[in-house]
Amino acid sequence: MLKQMRGLLLIMLLLCVNSIKIHEVKAAASAPLSVTVNGSLVISDADNDTMAGANPTKNVSLTVTPDLGHTLQSGSANFRIRSNRATWRLTAQRTASSAGGTGIGDTDLLVDIAKSAGSSANAAAGALVAPFTAQTNLSSITTIASVDVVSGTAKTSSAKDNANANNWFQIGTTYSIQPDFFYTPGTFSSTITYNLVSP
C-alpha cells in the first residue's frame, strides 16, 4: 500500500512539473539609420583640381602686337564639373566690356567651348548649347542675363570612383583675338561668370 502511494505521489509530481511553464526572457536592440544624399553642384579649377579649388577665379590675359603675320593670340580657362543631380545647367554671364581705348569690340574676341570627361565620368552627361556648339564671339555671352552654355541630362559620374579623382566632366573655354593695326594701345577688359545650376 505504501508502495502504491509512493508511486501515485511520484506520478502526481511528474504531472505537476510537466505543467509548469518556463518563460524565456528576450532582449532586443535596434540601431535606426537614415542616410540623406544631398544634391551637389561643384565647379573646380581644372589645372589645380582639388575640392579646395571650388568656384575658382581664372584670369585670361592676351597681349596683342599688331604685325603683318596676324598671328592669332589665345588663352584658356578650364573648369571641371561634378554633380549627382539628374539635370543641371552651366550658364554664363559677363560684365559690360571696357574697351580701354583699344578699339576692340565684343565681336572681335572669339570664344570656343569644348567638353571632355575623366575615365569614371559620363561624357554624354552634358551637351553644348548653341551658339557654343561652334566658334562664336564674346557678344554671345550677354551682360543682361545668363545664357546656357551646357545642358546637363545626367549625373556627371558614370562609375563609382572611390578616390573621386576621375569623375570629372570638363569644360574648356578658349578666348582669342586676331591682331589688327586698327587697335591702339590700351587694355580691353570684361569678366565672365560661369554658374552651375539645377534644374
N, C-alpha and C. Protein backbone atom coordinates (compact mmCIF):
# COMPACT_ATOMS: atom_id res chain seq x y z
N MET A 1 0.83 -1.18 0.00
CA MET A 1 0.00 0.00 0.00
C MET A 1 0.88 1.25 0.00
N LEU A 2 1.90 1.19 0.81
CA LEU A 2 2.84 2.30 0.87
C LEU A 2 3.52 2.49 -0.47
N LYS A 3 3.85 1.37 -1.09
CA LYS A 3 4.48 1.44 -2.40
C LYS A 3 3.55 2.09 -3.41
N GLN A 4 2.27 1.74 -3.33
CA GLN A 4 1.29 2.31 -4.27
C GLN A 4 1.16 3.82 -4.08
N MET A 5 1.16 4.24 -2.79
CA MET A 5 1.02 5.66 -2.50
C MET A 5 2.26 6.43 -2.99
N ARG A 6 3.44 5.83 -2.80
CA ARG A 6 4.65 6.47 -3.30
C ARG A 6 4.61 6.61 -4.81
N GLY A 7 4.16 5.57 -5.47
CA GLY A 7 4.07 5.60 -6.93
C GLY A 7 3.11 6.66 -7.40
N LEU A 8 1.96 6.76 -6.71
CA LEU A 8 0.94 7.74 -7.06
C LEU A 8 1.47 9.16 -6.84
N LEU A 9 2.20 9.36 -5.73
CA LEU A 9 2.79 10.66 -5.43
C LEU A 9 3.82 11.05 -6.48
N LEU A 10 4.61 10.10 -6.94
CA LEU A 10 5.61 10.34 -7.98
C LEU A 10 4.96 10.76 -9.29
N ILE A 11 3.87 10.08 -9.62
CA ILE A 11 3.15 10.41 -10.87
C ILE A 11 2.59 11.82 -10.79
N MET A 12 2.03 12.17 -9.61
CA MET A 12 1.45 13.50 -9.44
C MET A 12 2.53 14.58 -9.54
N LEU A 13 3.72 14.30 -8.94
CA LEU A 13 4.82 15.24 -9.02
C LEU A 13 5.27 15.46 -10.47
N LEU A 14 5.35 14.36 -11.21
CA LEU A 14 5.75 14.46 -12.62
C LEU A 14 4.74 15.27 -13.42
N LEU A 15 3.45 15.07 -13.13
CA LEU A 15 2.42 15.82 -13.83
C LEU A 15 2.52 17.31 -13.50
N CYS A 16 2.82 17.60 -12.24
CA CYS A 16 2.95 19.00 -11.83
C CYS A 16 4.15 19.67 -12.51
N VAL A 17 5.26 18.94 -12.58
CA VAL A 17 6.46 19.51 -13.20
C VAL A 17 6.22 19.78 -14.68
N ASN A 18 5.51 18.83 -15.34
CA ASN A 18 5.23 18.99 -16.76
C ASN A 18 4.28 20.16 -17.04
N SER A 19 3.48 20.53 -16.08
CA SER A 19 2.53 21.61 -16.30
C SER A 19 3.12 22.99 -15.99
N ILE A 20 4.34 23.05 -15.40
CA ILE A 20 4.98 24.33 -15.12
C ILE A 20 5.57 24.90 -16.42
N LYS A 21 5.24 26.12 -16.75
CA LYS A 21 5.76 26.76 -17.96
C LYS A 21 6.92 27.67 -17.58
N ILE A 22 8.03 27.49 -18.28
CA ILE A 22 9.19 28.33 -18.06
C ILE A 22 9.22 29.38 -19.17
N HIS A 23 9.10 30.65 -18.82
CA HIS A 23 9.08 31.74 -19.81
C HIS A 23 10.50 32.17 -20.13
N GLU A 24 10.78 32.23 -21.44
CA GLU A 24 12.10 32.68 -21.89
C GLU A 24 12.12 34.21 -21.91
N VAL A 25 13.13 34.80 -21.34
CA VAL A 25 13.26 36.25 -21.31
C VAL A 25 14.06 36.66 -22.55
N LYS A 26 13.48 37.56 -23.41
CA LYS A 26 14.14 38.00 -24.64
C LYS A 26 14.65 39.43 -24.47
N ALA A 27 15.78 39.71 -25.12
CA ALA A 27 16.33 41.05 -25.13
C ALA A 27 16.47 41.50 -26.59
N ALA A 28 16.21 42.78 -26.86
CA ALA A 28 16.29 43.28 -28.24
C ALA A 28 16.99 44.63 -28.25
N ALA A 29 17.69 44.91 -29.36
CA ALA A 29 18.34 46.21 -29.56
C ALA A 29 18.14 46.62 -31.00
N SER A 30 18.07 47.92 -31.24
CA SER A 30 17.90 48.40 -32.62
C SER A 30 18.84 49.57 -32.86
N ALA A 31 19.21 49.73 -34.10
CA ALA A 31 20.07 50.86 -34.49
C ALA A 31 19.48 51.49 -35.73
N PRO A 32 18.51 52.38 -35.56
CA PRO A 32 17.90 53.02 -36.74
C PRO A 32 18.92 53.87 -37.47
N LEU A 33 18.89 53.81 -38.80
CA LEU A 33 19.87 54.53 -39.61
C LEU A 33 19.18 55.19 -40.79
N SER A 34 19.44 56.46 -40.96
CA SER A 34 18.92 57.20 -42.11
C SER A 34 20.08 57.88 -42.81
N VAL A 35 20.16 57.72 -44.11
CA VAL A 35 21.22 58.36 -44.90
C VAL A 35 20.56 59.30 -45.90
N THR A 36 20.87 60.57 -45.81
CA THR A 36 20.33 61.56 -46.74
C THR A 36 21.41 61.94 -47.74
N VAL A 37 21.10 61.80 -49.00
CA VAL A 37 22.04 62.16 -50.06
C VAL A 37 21.65 63.53 -50.60
N ASN A 38 22.55 64.49 -50.43
CA ASN A 38 22.28 65.85 -50.89
C ASN A 38 22.68 66.02 -52.35
N GLY A 39 22.00 66.95 -53.00
CA GLY A 39 22.39 67.30 -54.35
C GLY A 39 23.65 68.14 -54.33
N SER A 40 24.55 67.89 -55.25
CA SER A 40 25.82 68.60 -55.27
C SER A 40 26.08 69.19 -56.64
N LEU A 41 26.55 70.42 -56.66
CA LEU A 41 26.92 71.12 -57.89
C LEU A 41 28.27 71.77 -57.63
N VAL A 42 29.34 71.22 -58.22
CA VAL A 42 30.69 71.70 -57.92
C VAL A 42 31.43 72.09 -59.20
N ILE A 43 32.01 73.27 -59.20
CA ILE A 43 32.92 73.69 -60.27
C ILE A 43 34.30 73.86 -59.64
N SER A 44 35.30 73.19 -60.20
CA SER A 44 36.66 73.32 -59.67
C SER A 44 37.62 73.71 -60.80
N ASP A 45 38.80 74.11 -60.39
CA ASP A 45 39.84 74.55 -61.31
C ASP A 45 40.47 73.32 -61.97
N ALA A 46 40.37 73.19 -63.28
CA ALA A 46 40.88 72.01 -63.97
C ALA A 46 42.39 71.90 -63.88
N ASP A 47 43.08 73.03 -63.74
CA ASP A 47 44.55 73.00 -63.66
C ASP A 47 45.05 72.72 -62.25
N ASN A 48 44.17 72.81 -61.27
CA ASN A 48 44.51 72.53 -59.88
C ASN A 48 43.30 71.87 -59.26
N ASP A 49 43.04 70.65 -59.69
CA ASP A 49 41.75 70.00 -59.43
C ASP A 49 41.67 69.42 -58.02
N THR A 50 41.32 70.25 -57.06
CA THR A 50 41.04 69.80 -55.70
C THR A 50 39.74 70.46 -55.27
N MET A 51 39.08 69.85 -54.28
CA MET A 51 37.83 70.43 -53.81
C MET A 51 38.08 71.80 -53.16
N ALA A 52 39.31 72.03 -52.72
CA ALA A 52 39.65 73.34 -52.16
C ALA A 52 39.63 74.40 -53.24
N GLY A 53 39.72 73.97 -54.50
CA GLY A 53 39.71 74.90 -55.62
C GLY A 53 38.33 75.09 -56.21
N ALA A 54 37.28 74.89 -55.40
CA ALA A 54 35.92 75.07 -55.90
C ALA A 54 35.64 76.54 -56.16
N ASN A 55 34.78 76.80 -57.15
CA ASN A 55 34.39 78.16 -57.54
C ASN A 55 35.61 79.04 -57.81
N PRO A 56 36.47 78.59 -58.71
CA PRO A 56 37.73 79.31 -58.93
C PRO A 56 37.55 80.59 -59.75
N THR A 57 38.52 81.47 -59.61
CA THR A 57 38.63 82.64 -60.48
C THR A 57 39.84 82.42 -61.38
N LYS A 58 39.62 82.42 -62.68
CA LYS A 58 40.69 82.19 -63.64
C LYS A 58 40.90 83.45 -64.46
N ASN A 59 42.13 83.88 -64.56
CA ASN A 59 42.44 85.07 -65.35
C ASN A 59 42.99 84.69 -66.71
N VAL A 60 42.48 85.33 -67.74
CA VAL A 60 42.99 85.13 -69.10
C VAL A 60 43.51 86.48 -69.59
N SER A 61 44.79 86.52 -69.89
CA SER A 61 45.41 87.76 -70.36
C SER A 61 45.96 87.55 -71.76
N LEU A 62 45.56 88.41 -72.68
CA LEU A 62 46.03 88.33 -74.06
C LEU A 62 46.81 89.60 -74.39
N THR A 63 47.97 89.43 -74.98
CA THR A 63 48.77 90.58 -75.41
C THR A 63 48.81 90.59 -76.93
N VAL A 64 48.31 91.66 -77.49
CA VAL A 64 48.21 91.77 -78.95
C VAL A 64 49.22 92.78 -79.47
N THR A 65 50.10 92.32 -80.32
CA THR A 65 51.03 93.21 -81.01
C THR A 65 50.75 93.11 -82.50
N PRO A 66 50.08 94.09 -83.04
CA PRO A 66 49.74 94.02 -84.47
C PRO A 66 50.99 93.87 -85.33
N ASP A 67 50.93 92.94 -86.26
CA ASP A 67 52.03 92.77 -87.21
C ASP A 67 51.45 92.21 -88.50
N LEU A 68 52.29 92.13 -89.50
CA LEU A 68 51.82 91.65 -90.81
C LEU A 68 51.48 90.17 -90.79
N GLY A 69 52.03 89.43 -89.79
CA GLY A 69 51.75 87.98 -89.73
C GLY A 69 50.37 87.64 -89.21
N HIS A 70 49.76 88.57 -88.49
CA HIS A 70 48.42 88.35 -87.95
C HIS A 70 48.30 87.02 -87.21
N THR A 71 49.23 86.75 -86.30
CA THR A 71 49.16 85.50 -85.52
C THR A 71 48.06 85.60 -84.47
N LEU A 72 47.15 84.63 -84.48
CA LEU A 72 46.04 84.61 -83.53
C LEU A 72 46.58 84.49 -82.11
N GLN A 73 46.13 85.37 -81.21
CA GLN A 73 46.53 85.32 -79.81
C GLN A 73 45.40 84.66 -79.01
N SER A 74 45.72 83.68 -78.17
CA SER A 74 44.66 82.97 -77.44
C SER A 74 45.09 82.62 -76.02
N GLY A 75 44.09 82.40 -75.17
CA GLY A 75 44.30 81.98 -73.79
C GLY A 75 43.10 81.16 -73.36
N SER A 76 43.27 80.37 -72.31
CA SER A 76 42.18 79.47 -71.92
C SER A 76 41.92 79.50 -70.41
N ALA A 77 40.72 79.08 -70.04
CA ALA A 77 40.33 78.88 -68.64
C ALA A 77 39.47 77.63 -68.62
N ASN A 78 39.94 76.59 -67.93
CA ASN A 78 39.26 75.29 -67.95
C ASN A 78 38.71 74.93 -66.59
N PHE A 79 37.48 74.44 -66.60
CA PHE A 79 36.78 74.11 -65.36
C PHE A 79 36.34 72.65 -65.37
N ARG A 80 36.29 72.05 -64.17
CA ARG A 80 35.75 70.70 -64.04
C ARG A 80 34.47 70.76 -63.22
N ILE A 81 33.50 69.98 -63.67
CA ILE A 81 32.17 69.98 -63.07
C ILE A 81 31.90 68.61 -62.48
N ARG A 82 31.30 68.60 -61.29
CA ARG A 82 30.84 67.35 -60.67
C ARG A 82 29.44 67.59 -60.12
N SER A 83 28.52 66.70 -60.48
CA SER A 83 27.16 66.81 -59.96
C SER A 83 26.50 65.44 -59.91
N ASN A 84 25.76 65.17 -58.82
CA ASN A 84 24.98 63.94 -58.74
C ASN A 84 23.51 64.21 -59.05
N ARG A 85 23.24 65.36 -59.58
CA ARG A 85 21.87 65.69 -59.99
C ARG A 85 21.60 65.18 -61.41
N ALA A 86 20.37 64.77 -61.62
CA ALA A 86 19.99 64.22 -62.93
C ALA A 86 19.91 65.31 -63.99
N THR A 87 19.60 66.53 -63.57
CA THR A 87 19.54 67.64 -64.52
C THR A 87 20.33 68.82 -63.95
N TRP A 88 21.09 69.48 -64.81
CA TRP A 88 21.88 70.63 -64.39
C TRP A 88 22.20 71.47 -65.62
N ARG A 89 22.64 72.70 -65.39
CA ARG A 89 23.00 73.59 -66.50
C ARG A 89 24.23 74.40 -66.11
N LEU A 90 25.11 74.62 -67.08
CA LEU A 90 26.20 75.56 -66.90
C LEU A 90 25.80 76.82 -67.65
N THR A 91 25.76 77.94 -66.94
CA THR A 91 25.37 79.20 -67.55
C THR A 91 26.54 80.19 -67.51
N ALA A 92 26.44 81.22 -68.32
CA ALA A 92 27.48 82.25 -68.35
C ALA A 92 26.83 83.62 -68.49
N GLN A 93 27.44 84.59 -67.83
CA GLN A 93 27.03 85.99 -67.96
C GLN A 93 28.28 86.84 -67.76
N ARG A 94 28.33 87.99 -68.40
CA ARG A 94 29.54 88.81 -68.25
C ARG A 94 29.20 90.25 -67.92
N THR A 95 30.22 90.92 -67.44
CA THR A 95 30.08 92.36 -67.17
C THR A 95 30.23 93.12 -68.48
N ALA A 96 29.75 94.33 -68.50
CA ALA A 96 29.91 95.17 -69.69
C ALA A 96 31.39 95.37 -69.97
N SER A 97 31.78 95.28 -71.21
CA SER A 97 33.19 95.40 -71.58
C SER A 97 33.66 96.84 -71.49
N SER A 98 34.92 96.98 -71.13
CA SER A 98 35.58 98.28 -71.17
C SER A 98 36.64 98.20 -72.26
N ALA A 99 36.46 98.96 -73.32
CA ALA A 99 37.39 98.89 -74.45
C ALA A 99 38.76 99.44 -74.08
N GLY A 100 38.83 100.28 -73.09
CA GLY A 100 40.12 100.81 -72.63
C GLY A 100 40.89 101.56 -73.70
N GLY A 101 40.17 102.15 -74.65
CA GLY A 101 40.82 102.91 -75.72
C GLY A 101 41.45 102.07 -76.81
N THR A 102 41.26 100.76 -76.76
CA THR A 102 41.91 99.87 -77.74
C THR A 102 41.21 99.83 -79.08
N GLY A 103 39.92 100.14 -79.08
CA GLY A 103 39.15 99.99 -80.31
C GLY A 103 38.67 98.57 -80.52
N ILE A 104 38.89 97.68 -79.54
CA ILE A 104 38.42 96.29 -79.62
C ILE A 104 36.95 96.25 -79.22
N GLY A 105 36.16 95.49 -79.98
CA GLY A 105 34.75 95.30 -79.67
C GLY A 105 34.49 93.86 -79.23
N ASP A 106 33.31 93.61 -78.67
CA ASP A 106 32.95 92.26 -78.21
C ASP A 106 33.02 91.23 -79.34
N THR A 107 32.69 91.64 -80.54
CA THR A 107 32.69 90.69 -81.66
C THR A 107 34.10 90.37 -82.14
N ASP A 108 35.11 91.13 -81.69
CA ASP A 108 36.49 90.86 -82.09
C ASP A 108 37.12 89.70 -81.29
N LEU A 109 36.55 89.43 -80.12
CA LEU A 109 37.08 88.35 -79.28
C LEU A 109 36.32 87.06 -79.56
N LEU A 110 37.05 86.04 -80.00
CA LEU A 110 36.44 84.76 -80.34
C LEU A 110 36.37 83.86 -79.11
N VAL A 111 35.29 83.06 -79.02
CA VAL A 111 35.07 82.16 -77.89
C VAL A 111 34.86 80.74 -78.43
N ASP A 112 35.63 79.80 -77.89
CA ASP A 112 35.46 78.38 -78.23
C ASP A 112 35.22 77.60 -76.93
N ILE A 113 34.20 76.75 -76.94
CA ILE A 113 33.89 75.92 -75.77
C ILE A 113 34.00 74.45 -76.19
N ALA A 114 34.66 73.65 -75.36
CA ALA A 114 34.79 72.22 -75.64
C ALA A 114 34.54 71.44 -74.35
N LYS A 115 34.15 70.18 -74.47
CA LYS A 115 33.92 69.36 -73.28
C LYS A 115 34.75 68.09 -73.36
N SER A 116 35.09 67.55 -72.19
CA SER A 116 35.79 66.27 -72.09
C SER A 116 35.40 65.65 -70.76
N ALA A 117 35.87 64.42 -70.51
CA ALA A 117 35.46 63.74 -69.28
C ALA A 117 36.53 62.79 -68.81
N GLY A 118 36.58 62.58 -67.48
CA GLY A 118 37.50 61.63 -66.89
C GLY A 118 37.06 60.19 -67.14
N SER A 119 37.91 59.23 -66.80
CA SER A 119 37.61 57.83 -67.08
C SER A 119 36.42 57.29 -66.31
N SER A 120 36.08 57.93 -65.18
CA SER A 120 34.91 57.50 -64.40
C SER A 120 33.72 58.43 -64.59
N ALA A 121 33.82 59.30 -65.56
CA ALA A 121 32.76 60.28 -65.80
C ALA A 121 31.94 59.92 -67.03
N ASN A 122 30.79 60.54 -67.12
CA ASN A 122 29.89 60.33 -68.25
C ASN A 122 30.04 61.48 -69.23
N ALA A 123 30.74 61.25 -70.32
CA ALA A 123 30.98 62.30 -71.31
C ALA A 123 29.69 62.78 -71.97
N ALA A 124 28.64 61.94 -71.92
CA ALA A 124 27.36 62.30 -72.52
C ALA A 124 26.42 62.94 -71.50
N ALA A 125 26.93 63.28 -70.31
CA ALA A 125 26.08 63.85 -69.27
C ALA A 125 25.63 65.27 -69.62
N GLY A 126 26.37 65.93 -70.49
CA GLY A 126 26.01 67.30 -70.87
C GLY A 126 26.29 67.57 -72.32
N ALA A 127 25.50 68.44 -72.92
CA ALA A 127 25.67 68.80 -74.33
C ALA A 127 25.80 70.31 -74.46
N LEU A 128 26.70 70.74 -75.34
CA LEU A 128 26.86 72.17 -75.60
C LEU A 128 25.58 72.74 -76.21
N VAL A 129 25.26 73.96 -75.83
CA VAL A 129 24.06 74.62 -76.32
C VAL A 129 24.48 75.68 -77.35
N ALA A 130 23.77 75.76 -78.47
CA ALA A 130 24.06 76.77 -79.49
C ALA A 130 23.95 78.16 -78.88
N PRO A 131 24.80 79.11 -79.27
CA PRO A 131 25.79 79.06 -80.35
C PRO A 131 27.15 78.51 -79.93
N PHE A 132 27.25 77.94 -78.72
CA PHE A 132 28.54 77.47 -78.23
C PHE A 132 28.94 76.11 -78.79
N THR A 133 28.11 75.56 -79.67
CA THR A 133 28.44 74.32 -80.35
C THR A 133 29.51 74.54 -81.42
N ALA A 134 29.78 75.80 -81.74
CA ALA A 134 30.82 76.16 -82.71
C ALA A 134 31.49 77.43 -82.21
N GLN A 135 32.53 77.86 -82.91
CA GLN A 135 33.20 79.10 -82.50
C GLN A 135 32.23 80.27 -82.60
N THR A 136 32.22 81.08 -81.57
CA THR A 136 31.36 82.27 -81.56
C THR A 136 32.20 83.44 -81.06
N ASN A 137 31.56 84.53 -80.66
CA ASN A 137 32.34 85.66 -80.12
C ASN A 137 31.76 86.10 -78.79
N LEU A 138 32.43 87.04 -78.16
CA LEU A 138 32.09 87.44 -76.80
C LEU A 138 30.67 87.98 -76.68
N SER A 139 30.12 88.51 -77.75
CA SER A 139 28.76 89.06 -77.67
C SER A 139 27.70 87.98 -77.45
N SER A 140 28.07 86.69 -77.64
CA SER A 140 27.13 85.59 -77.38
C SER A 140 26.87 85.39 -75.89
N ILE A 141 27.80 85.91 -75.07
CA ILE A 141 27.62 85.87 -73.61
C ILE A 141 27.15 87.26 -73.22
N THR A 142 25.88 87.37 -72.88
CA THR A 142 25.28 88.69 -72.70
C THR A 142 25.56 89.27 -71.32
N THR A 143 25.35 90.57 -71.23
CA THR A 143 25.51 91.29 -69.96
C THR A 143 24.16 91.46 -69.26
N ILE A 144 23.07 91.20 -69.98
CA ILE A 144 21.72 91.43 -69.45
C ILE A 144 21.24 90.26 -68.60
N ALA A 145 21.47 89.04 -69.09
CA ALA A 145 21.00 87.84 -68.39
C ALA A 145 21.95 86.69 -68.72
N SER A 146 21.91 85.66 -67.88
CA SER A 146 22.77 84.50 -68.13
C SER A 146 22.26 83.69 -69.31
N VAL A 147 23.17 83.05 -70.01
CA VAL A 147 22.82 82.19 -71.14
C VAL A 147 23.33 80.78 -70.86
N ASP A 148 22.64 79.78 -71.37
CA ASP A 148 23.05 78.39 -71.19
C ASP A 148 24.23 78.07 -72.08
N VAL A 149 25.25 77.45 -71.49
CA VAL A 149 26.42 77.01 -72.24
C VAL A 149 26.38 75.50 -72.42
N VAL A 150 26.04 74.78 -71.34
CA VAL A 150 25.93 73.32 -71.37
C VAL A 150 24.62 72.93 -70.72
N SER A 151 23.92 71.98 -71.34
CA SER A 151 22.70 71.43 -70.77
C SER A 151 22.99 70.02 -70.27
N GLY A 152 22.86 69.80 -68.96
CA GLY A 152 23.17 68.50 -68.38
C GLY A 152 21.92 67.64 -68.23
N THR A 153 22.03 66.38 -68.65
CA THR A 153 20.88 65.47 -68.60
C THR A 153 21.14 64.23 -67.77
N ALA A 154 22.27 64.18 -67.06
CA ALA A 154 22.59 63.03 -66.21
C ALA A 154 23.66 63.44 -65.22
N LYS A 155 23.81 62.65 -64.14
CA LYS A 155 24.89 62.96 -63.20
C LYS A 155 26.23 62.75 -63.89
N THR A 156 27.21 63.52 -63.50
CA THR A 156 28.46 63.55 -64.24
C THR A 156 29.32 62.30 -64.05
N SER A 157 29.11 61.55 -62.96
CA SER A 157 29.89 60.33 -62.74
C SER A 157 29.10 59.13 -63.24
N SER A 158 29.72 58.32 -64.09
CA SER A 158 29.05 57.14 -64.65
C SER A 158 29.47 55.86 -63.94
N ALA A 159 30.55 55.92 -63.16
CA ALA A 159 31.04 54.75 -62.43
C ALA A 159 31.51 55.19 -61.07
N LYS A 160 31.46 54.28 -60.09
CA LYS A 160 31.90 54.62 -58.74
C LYS A 160 33.40 54.87 -58.74
N ASP A 161 33.77 55.99 -58.16
CA ASP A 161 35.18 56.37 -58.12
C ASP A 161 35.53 56.70 -56.67
N ASN A 162 36.06 55.71 -55.94
CA ASN A 162 36.31 55.87 -54.51
C ASN A 162 37.26 57.02 -54.20
N ALA A 163 38.16 57.32 -55.13
CA ALA A 163 39.11 58.40 -54.90
C ALA A 163 38.58 59.75 -55.39
N ASN A 164 37.44 59.74 -56.09
CA ASN A 164 36.88 60.96 -56.68
C ASN A 164 37.91 61.70 -57.53
N ALA A 165 38.75 60.93 -58.19
CA ALA A 165 39.84 61.54 -58.96
C ALA A 165 39.54 61.59 -60.45
N ASN A 166 38.68 60.70 -60.92
CA ASN A 166 38.45 60.60 -62.37
C ASN A 166 36.99 60.80 -62.76
N ASN A 167 36.21 61.39 -61.86
CA ASN A 167 34.77 61.53 -62.11
C ASN A 167 34.39 62.92 -62.62
N TRP A 168 35.36 63.62 -63.20
CA TRP A 168 35.10 64.99 -63.63
C TRP A 168 34.57 65.09 -65.06
N PHE A 169 33.73 66.09 -65.26
CA PHE A 169 33.22 66.48 -66.58
C PHE A 169 33.82 67.86 -66.83
N GLN A 170 34.65 67.98 -67.86
CA GLN A 170 35.42 69.22 -68.04
C GLN A 170 34.86 70.11 -69.14
N ILE A 171 34.89 71.40 -68.85
CA ILE A 171 34.55 72.42 -69.83
C ILE A 171 35.81 73.23 -70.10
N GLY A 172 36.25 73.22 -71.34
CA GLY A 172 37.42 74.00 -71.73
C GLY A 172 36.97 75.25 -72.48
N THR A 173 37.36 76.42 -72.00
CA THR A 173 37.00 77.67 -72.67
C THR A 173 38.26 78.35 -73.21
N THR A 174 38.21 78.74 -74.47
CA THR A 174 39.34 79.42 -75.13
C THR A 174 38.88 80.74 -75.70
N TYR A 175 39.67 81.78 -75.45
CA TYR A 175 39.36 83.13 -75.92
C TYR A 175 40.52 83.58 -76.81
N SER A 176 40.21 84.15 -77.95
CA SER A 176 41.28 84.53 -78.88
C SER A 176 40.91 85.80 -79.65
N ILE A 177 41.97 86.42 -80.18
CA ILE A 177 41.78 87.65 -80.95
C ILE A 177 42.84 87.71 -82.06
N GLN A 178 42.41 88.22 -83.19
CA GLN A 178 43.30 88.38 -84.34
C GLN A 178 43.91 89.78 -84.30
N PRO A 179 45.23 89.91 -84.25
CA PRO A 179 45.85 91.24 -84.22
C PRO A 179 45.46 92.06 -85.46
N ASP A 180 45.34 93.35 -85.24
CA ASP A 180 44.98 94.24 -86.34
C ASP A 180 45.55 95.62 -86.04
N PHE A 181 46.06 96.29 -87.08
CA PHE A 181 46.64 97.62 -86.89
C PHE A 181 45.58 98.66 -86.51
N PHE A 182 44.30 98.27 -86.62
CA PHE A 182 43.23 99.17 -86.23
C PHE A 182 43.25 99.41 -84.71
N TYR A 183 43.72 98.41 -83.95
CA TYR A 183 43.72 98.52 -82.48
C TYR A 183 44.83 99.45 -82.01
N THR A 184 44.53 100.19 -80.95
CA THR A 184 45.51 101.11 -80.37
C THR A 184 45.86 100.66 -78.95
N PRO A 185 47.01 101.08 -78.43
CA PRO A 185 47.43 100.64 -77.09
C PRO A 185 46.38 100.93 -76.01
N GLY A 186 46.21 100.01 -75.10
CA GLY A 186 45.25 100.12 -74.01
C GLY A 186 44.92 98.73 -73.49
N THR A 187 43.95 98.63 -72.63
CA THR A 187 43.55 97.33 -72.06
C THR A 187 42.05 97.15 -72.17
N PHE A 188 41.65 96.14 -72.92
CA PHE A 188 40.24 95.74 -73.01
C PHE A 188 39.97 94.80 -71.84
N SER A 189 38.83 94.95 -71.16
CA SER A 189 38.54 94.06 -70.03
C SER A 189 37.05 93.73 -69.92
N SER A 190 36.80 92.54 -69.44
CA SER A 190 35.45 92.08 -69.14
C SER A 190 35.58 90.87 -68.23
N THR A 191 34.56 90.56 -67.47
CA THR A 191 34.58 89.39 -66.58
C THR A 191 33.42 88.48 -66.92
N ILE A 192 33.71 87.21 -67.16
CA ILE A 192 32.68 86.22 -67.44
C ILE A 192 32.50 85.36 -66.19
N THR A 193 31.27 85.21 -65.75
CA THR A 193 30.97 84.38 -64.58
C THR A 193 30.18 83.16 -65.04
N TYR A 194 30.74 81.97 -64.75
CA TYR A 194 30.07 80.70 -65.07
C TYR A 194 29.43 80.17 -63.80
N ASN A 195 28.17 79.73 -63.93
CA ASN A 195 27.45 79.18 -62.80
C ASN A 195 26.90 77.81 -63.14
N LEU A 196 26.96 76.89 -62.18
CA LEU A 196 26.37 75.56 -62.32
C LEU A 196 25.07 75.56 -61.53
N VAL A 197 23.96 75.33 -62.21
CA VAL A 197 22.65 75.42 -61.56
C VAL A 197 21.82 74.17 -61.89
N SER A 198 20.80 73.93 -61.08
CA SER A 198 19.88 72.82 -61.33
C SER A 198 18.51 73.22 -60.82
N PRO A 199 17.43 72.94 -61.56
CA PRO A 199 17.44 72.18 -62.82
C PRO A 199 17.86 73.06 -64.00
